[in-house]
Structures are given as C-alpha cells and as structure tokens.
C-alpha cells in the first residue's frame, strides 16, 4: 500500500495572475485550483493511502522515494475584443515543482521547466504545454506544490494534472 495521488485542474476561484512588467521569474505563484478529496470522484484523479491535500499542496505521509509529476496546458488568449490582455516584454514561462518542509520553513525548488513563447501570429490564440517528472527522496510531512510564473495562462484547467506516487 504505497501512497499515491493525482489531482486534476478545476475552475473554482478562476485564479488569474496577470504578469506585470516589474515581475520576474522569481515571483512564482502556486497553482491552487485542483479538484481534491471527494471532488475527485467524477474525475481521473485520486488520493490514496494517507496522502492529504491542503492549500494547493500534497502532503506526503511516509518517508521514501517518490515520482512527482505535473502537466500544465497553457493558453494565451489574445482576443483583444473580448478579453483585456496585458502586453509584456516577457516571453519566458517557468513551471516548477516545489517542496516545503516544516523543519526548513521555506519552499525548495525540486525541478522546473523554462520555455519561451511568442504571441500568436493570428492574434487570437496561442497554446503550449509544460511537463515535469522527477524522482526525489521525501520525508513524511513534506508538502509538494506546483508553481507557475503566470497564472493567467491556465485558462483550461481541466487539462492540467499534478501528482505523486511512492516507488
């Protein structure tokens, strides 16, 4: 009975985090909109054998080696007639997985994906994705989260997922 979980993206608070010109990639924002607990019943997600969810984080119940993964479908809507888009000089998007340990008292980046994107040539729509998967040694009580440099790109959260399982 090894701990495992897979969370699926949800549209709840519709958290939008438009990037401002002064923002840097260091200002990562936690992706909070995940189906969890009983909400997972009608999705492809699950939480098993002691894994808990709290504030966008999966809490690991046992010390061991885990495979952690995250997939984000990112969309930039450039339909200027319907949605106000803040134009920035920023062309890099950073997607990361972080670990929080109470003993250390801070988030530690475990892995990240950094990619550039360009405004769509048709000026309406630009879609791309980011995926991370890694093996890491975790301690009981570690909290795992997914962060993104621009939350406004998560327009279709039902395509997103994030999870872990003990090896």
C-alpha atoms as a PDB file:
ATOM      1  CA  UNK A   1       0.000   0.000   0.000  1.00  0.00           C
ATOM      2  CA  UNK A   2       2.111   2.863  -1.274  1.00  0.00           C
ATOM      3  CA  UNK A   3       0.911   6.477  -1.060  1.00  0.00           C
ATOM      4  CA  UNK A   4      -0.261   7.956  -4.360  1.00  0.00           C
ATOM      5  CA  UNK A   5      -2.291  10.906  -5.601  1.00  0.00           C
ATOM      6  CA  UNK A   6      -3.279  12.606  -8.819  1.00  0.00           C
ATOM      7  CA  UNK A   7      -5.051  15.955  -8.731  1.00  0.00           C
ATOM      8  CA  UNK A   8      -6.922  17.313 -11.739  1.00  0.00           C
ATOM      9  CA  UNK A   9      -7.279  21.012 -12.514  1.00  0.00           C
ATOM     10  CA  UNK A  10     -10.512  22.724 -11.562  1.00  0.00           C
ATOM     11  CA  UNK A  11     -12.218  26.038 -12.270  1.00  0.00           C
ATOM     12  CA  UNK A  12     -13.125  27.243  -8.795  1.00  0.00           C
ATOM     13  CA  UNK A  13     -11.664  30.590  -7.912  1.00  0.00           C
ATOM     14  CA  UNK A  14     -10.505  31.164 -11.507  1.00  0.00           C
ATOM     15  CA  UNK A  15      -7.242  32.465 -10.093  1.00  0.00           C
ATOM     16  CA  UNK A  16      -5.765  34.822 -12.609  1.00  0.00           C
ATOM     17  CA  UNK A  17      -2.353  36.312 -12.089  1.00  0.00           C
ATOM     18  CA  UNK A  18      -1.549  38.724 -14.843  1.00  0.00           C
ATOM     19  CA  UNK A  19       2.157  39.333 -15.196  1.00  0.00           C
ATOM     20  CA  UNK A  20       3.243  42.874 -14.509  1.00  0.00           C
ATOM     21  CA  UNK A  21       6.223  44.471 -16.205  1.00  0.00           C
ATOM     22  CA  UNK A  22       8.219  44.504 -12.949  1.00  0.00           C
ATOM     23  CA  UNK A  23       7.615  40.820 -12.164  1.00  0.00           C
ATOM     24  CA  UNK A  24      10.480  38.392 -12.501  1.00  0.00           C
ATOM     25  CA  UNK A  25      10.596  34.627 -12.753  1.00  0.00           C
ATOM     26  CA  UNK A  26      11.473  34.611  -9.052  1.00  0.00           C
ATOM     27  CA  UNK A  27       7.881  35.585  -8.213  1.00  0.00           C
ATOM     28  CA  UNK A  28       6.341  32.186  -8.777  1.00  0.00           C
ATOM     29  CA  UNK A  29       2.683  31.713  -7.836  1.00  0.00           C
ATOM     30  CA  UNK A  30       1.252  28.443  -6.501  1.00  0.00           C
ATOM     31  CA  UNK A  31      -1.400  26.798  -8.668  1.00  0.00           C
ATOM     32  CA  UNK A  32      -4.306  26.394  -6.234  1.00  0.00           C
ATOM     33  CA  UNK A  33      -7.180  25.232  -8.428  1.00  0.00           C
ATOM     34  CA  UNK A  34      -7.198  21.448  -8.086  1.00  0.00           C
ATOM     35  CA  UNK A  35     -10.048  19.008  -7.541  1.00  0.00           C
ATOM     36  CA  UNK A  36      -9.226  17.153  -4.328  1.00  0.00           C
ATOM     37  CA  UNK A  37     -10.708  14.811  -1.717  1.00  0.00           C
ATOM     38  CA  UNK A  38     -14.367  13.898  -2.540  1.00  0.00           C
ATOM     39  CA  UNK A  39     -14.345  16.214  -5.564  1.00  0.00           C
ATOM     40  CA  UNK A  40     -12.102  13.678  -7.334  1.00  0.00           C
ATOM     41  CA  UNK A  41     -14.895  11.065  -7.531  1.00  0.00           C
ATOM     42  CA  UNK A  42     -16.004  12.123 -11.021  1.00  0.00           C
ATOM     43  CA  UNK A  43     -12.552  12.828 -12.440  1.00  0.00           C
ATOM     44  CA  UNK A  44      -9.499  10.776 -13.378  1.00  0.00           C
ATOM     45  CA  UNK A  45      -7.829  11.867 -10.152  1.00  0.00           C
ATOM     46  CA  UNK A  46      -7.364  10.042  -6.840  1.00  0.00           C
ATOM     47  CA  UNK A  47      -5.781  10.285  -3.377  1.00  0.00           C
ATOM     48  CA  UNK A  48      -4.741   7.034  -1.689  1.00  0.00           C
ATOM     49  CA  UNK A  49      -3.018   5.633   1.379  1.00  0.00           C
ATOM     50  CA  UNK A  50      -2.544   8.697   3.527  1.00  0.00           C
ATOM     51  CA  UNK A  51      -1.749  11.461   1.023  1.00  0.00           C
ATOM     52  CA  UNK A  52      -3.534  14.662   2.063  1.00  0.00           C
ATOM     53  CA  UNK A  53      -4.258  17.937   0.295  1.00  0.00           C
ATOM     54  CA  UNK A  54      -4.084  21.439   1.766  1.00  0.00           C
ATOM     55  CA  UNK A  55      -3.865  24.859   0.076  1.00  0.00           C
ATOM     56  CA  UNK A  56      -2.586  23.619  -3.284  1.00  0.00           C
ATOM     57  CA  UNK A  57      -0.126  21.162  -1.725  1.00  0.00           C
ATOM     58  CA  UNK A  58       0.039  17.381  -1.496  1.00  0.00           C
ATOM     59  CA  UNK A  59       1.288  16.241   1.913  1.00  0.00           C
ATOM     60  CA  UNK A  60       3.413  13.074   1.893  1.00  0.00           C
ATOM     61  CA  UNK A  61       2.578  10.562   4.678  1.00  0.00           C
ATOM     62  CA  UNK A  62       5.697   8.338   4.555  1.00  0.00           C
ATOM     63  CA  UNK A  63       9.426   8.825   4.045  1.00  0.00           C
ATOM     64  CA  UNK A  64      10.662   7.309   0.794  1.00  0.00           C
ATOM     65  CA  UNK A  65      11.410   7.804  -2.892  1.00  0.00           C
ATOM     66  CA  UNK A  66       8.582   9.359  -4.902  1.00  0.00           C
ATOM     67  CA  UNK A  67       7.865  10.013  -8.541  1.00  0.00           C
ATOM     68  CA  UNK A  68       6.366  13.502  -8.750  1.00  0.00           C
ATOM     69  CA  UNK A  69       4.802  14.783 -11.964  1.00  0.00           C
ATOM     70  CA  UNK A  70       2.946  17.799 -13.291  1.00  0.00           C
ATOM     71  CA  UNK A  71       1.419  18.690 -16.648  1.00  0.00           C
ATOM     72  CA  UNK A  72       0.059  22.149 -17.451  1.00  0.00           C
ATOM     73  CA  UNK A  73      -1.787  23.080 -20.602  1.00  0.00           C
ATOM     74  CA  UNK A  74      -1.107  26.778 -21.076  1.00  0.00           C
ATOM     75  CA  UNK A  75      -3.155  29.105 -23.244  1.00  0.00           C
ATOM     76  CA  UNK A  76      -2.678  32.738 -24.087  1.00  0.00           C
ATOM     77  CA  UNK A  77      -5.898  34.333 -25.256  1.00  0.00           C
ATOM     78  CA  UNK A  78      -5.153  37.303 -27.489  1.00  0.00           C
ATOM     79  CA  UNK A  79      -8.727  38.095 -28.480  1.00  0.00           C
ATOM     80  CA  UNK A  80      -8.496  41.812 -27.769  1.00  0.00           C
ATOM     81  CA  UNK A  81     -12.187  42.366 -28.443  1.00  0.00           C
ATOM     82  CA  UNK A  82     -13.332  40.100 -25.588  1.00  0.00           C
ATOM     83  CA  UNK A  83     -10.519  39.792 -23.064  1.00  0.00           C
ATOM     84  CA  UNK A  84      -8.184  42.583 -21.994  1.00  0.00           C
ATOM     85  CA  UNK A  85      -4.637  41.296 -22.352  1.00  0.00           C
ATOM     86  CA  UNK A  86      -1.739  42.990 -20.659  1.00  0.00           C
ATOM     87  CA  UNK A  87       1.125  43.087 -23.118  1.00  0.00           C
ATOM     88  CA  UNK A  88       4.504  42.444 -21.560  1.00  0.00           C
ATOM     89  CA  UNK A  89       8.039  42.092 -22.806  1.00  0.00           C
ATOM     90  CA  UNK A  90       8.262  38.757 -21.040  1.00  0.00           C
ATOM     91  CA  UNK A  91       8.469  35.711 -23.258  1.00  0.00           C
ATOM     92  CA  UNK A  92       9.583  33.120 -20.699  1.00  0.00           C
ATOM     93  CA  UNK A  93       7.239  30.907 -18.725  1.00  0.00           C
ATOM     94  CA  UNK A  94       8.518  28.958 -15.737  1.00  0.00           C
ATOM     95  CA  UNK A  95       6.688  25.896 -14.388  1.00  0.00           C
ATOM     96  CA  UNK A  96       8.155  24.389 -11.207  1.00  0.00           C
ATOM     97  CA  UNK A  97       7.592  21.758  -8.549  1.00  0.00           C
ATOM     98  CA  UNK A  98       8.441  22.817  -5.000  1.00  0.00           C
ATOM     99  CA  UNK A  99       8.872  21.020  -1.691  1.00  0.00           C
ATOM    100  CA  UNK A 100       8.078  22.633   1.647  1.00  0.00           C
ATOM    101  CA  UNK A 101       9.488  21.090   4.815  1.00  0.00           C
ATOM    102  CA  UNK A 102       8.452  22.412   8.220  1.00  0.00           C
ATOM    103  CA  UNK A 103      11.983  21.968   9.583  1.00  0.00           C
ATOM    104  CA  UNK A 104      13.422  24.256   6.899  1.00  0.00           C
ATOM    105  CA  UNK A 105      10.466  26.658   6.880  1.00  0.00           C
ATOM    106  CA  UNK A 106      10.764  27.550   3.188  1.00  0.00           C
ATOM    107  CA  UNK A 107       9.943  26.271  -0.285  1.00  0.00           C
ATOM    108  CA  UNK A 108      12.726  24.489  -2.169  1.00  0.00           C
ATOM    109  CA  UNK A 109      12.550  24.136  -5.931  1.00  0.00           C
ATOM    110  CA  UNK A 110      12.905  20.483  -6.935  1.00  0.00           C
ATOM    111  CA  UNK A 111      12.582  20.812 -10.710  1.00  0.00           C
ATOM    112  CA  UNK A 112      11.457  23.321 -13.288  1.00  0.00           C
ATOM    113  CA  UNK A 113      10.714  23.805 -16.934  1.00  0.00           C
ATOM    114  CA  UNK A 114      11.574  27.121 -18.533  1.00  0.00           C
ATOM    115  CA  UNK A 115      10.363  27.838 -22.015  1.00  0.00           C
ATOM    116  CA  UNK A 116       9.826  30.770 -24.264  1.00  0.00           C
ATOM    117  CA  UNK A 117       6.608  31.526 -26.018  1.00  0.00           C
ATOM    118  CA  UNK A 118       5.660  34.031 -28.653  1.00  0.00           C
ATOM    119  CA  UNK A 119       2.468  35.894 -29.278  1.00  0.00           C
ATOM    120  CA  UNK A 120       0.260  34.058 -31.733  1.00  0.00           C
ATOM    121  CA  UNK A 121       0.638  35.182 -35.314  1.00  0.00           C
ATOM    122  CA  UNK A 122      -3.153  35.142 -35.777  1.00  0.00           C
ATOM    123  CA  UNK A 123      -3.522  37.457 -32.727  1.00  0.00           C
ATOM    124  CA  UNK A 124      -6.260  35.294 -31.218  1.00  0.00           C
ATOM    125  CA  UNK A 125      -4.896  32.160 -29.598  1.00  0.00           C
ATOM    126  CA  UNK A 126      -1.613  30.601 -28.527  1.00  0.00           C
ATOM    127  CA  UNK A 127      -1.436  27.188 -26.825  1.00  0.00           C
ATOM    128  CA  UNK A 128       1.544  25.281 -25.460  1.00  0.00           C
ATOM    129  CA  UNK A 129       2.213  22.873 -22.619  1.00  0.00           C
ATOM    130  CA  UNK A 130       4.768  22.112 -19.934  1.00  0.00           C
ATOM    131  CA  UNK A 131       5.535  18.804 -18.268  1.00  0.00           C
ATOM    132  CA  UNK A 132       7.799  17.874 -15.349  1.00  0.00           C
ATOM    133  CA  UNK A 133       8.514  14.442 -13.887  1.00  0.00           C
ATOM    134  CA  UNK A 134      11.178  13.540 -11.342  1.00  0.00           C
ATOM    135  CA  UNK A 135      12.239  11.046  -8.694  1.00  0.00           C
ATOM    136  CA  UNK A 136      13.050  12.512  -5.289  1.00  0.00           C
ATOM    137  CA  UNK A 137      13.602  11.366  -1.701  1.00  0.00           C
ATOM    138  CA  UNK A 138      10.918  12.892   0.550  1.00  0.00           C
ATOM    139  CA  UNK A 139      10.337  12.849   4.291  1.00  0.00           C
ATOM    140  CA  UNK A 140       6.986  12.284   5.969  1.00  0.00           C
ATOM    141  CA  UNK A 141       5.196  15.632   6.193  1.00  0.00           C
ATOM    142  CA  UNK A 142       6.850  17.199   3.137  1.00  0.00           C
ATOM    143  CA  UNK A 143       4.428  19.325   1.116  1.00  0.00           C
ATOM    144  CA  UNK A 144       4.637  19.315  -2.683  1.00  0.00           C
ATOM    145  CA  UNK A 145       3.230  22.122  -4.833  1.00  0.00           C
ATOM    146  CA  UNK A 146       3.197  23.320  -8.432  1.00  0.00           C
ATOM    147  CA  UNK A 147       4.081  26.928  -9.210  1.00  0.00           C
ATOM    148  CA  UNK A 148       3.838  28.950 -12.389  1.00  0.00           C
ATOM    149  CA  UNK A 149       5.250  32.339 -13.327  1.00  0.00           C
ATOM    150  CA  UNK A 150       1.987  33.488 -14.979  1.00  0.00           C
ATOM    151  CA  UNK A 151      -1.267  32.001 -13.673  1.00  0.00           C
ATOM    152  CA  UNK A 152      -3.310  33.756 -16.362  1.00  0.00           C
ATOM    153  CA  UNK A 153      -2.074  31.101 -18.810  1.00  0.00           C
ATOM    154  CA  UNK A 154      -4.086  28.348 -17.058  1.00  0.00           C
ATOM    155  CA  UNK A 155      -7.297  29.155 -18.943  1.00  0.00           C
ATOM    156  CA  UNK A 156      -8.336  25.497 -19.362  1.00  0.00           C
ATOM    157  CA  UNK A 157      -7.507  23.890 -16.011  1.00  0.00           C
ATOM    158  CA  UNK A 158      -9.351  20.613 -16.710  1.00  0.00           C
ATOM    159  CA  UNK A 159      -6.378  19.614 -18.928  1.00  0.00           C
ATOM    160  CA  UNK A 160      -3.926  20.075 -16.025  1.00  0.00           C
ATOM    161  CA  UNK A 161      -2.833  17.435 -13.540  1.00  0.00           C
ATOM    162  CA  UNK A 162      -0.334  17.026 -10.723  1.00  0.00           C
ATOM    163  CA  UNK A 163       0.535  14.003  -8.644  1.00  0.00           C
ATOM    164  CA  UNK A 164       2.966  11.705  -6.924  1.00  0.00           C
ATOM    165  CA  UNK A 165       3.431   8.069  -6.027  1.00  0.00           C
ATOM    166  CA  UNK A 166       5.886   6.235  -3.824  1.00  0.00           C
ATOM    167  CA  UNK A 167       8.321   3.975  -5.661  1.00  0.00           C
END
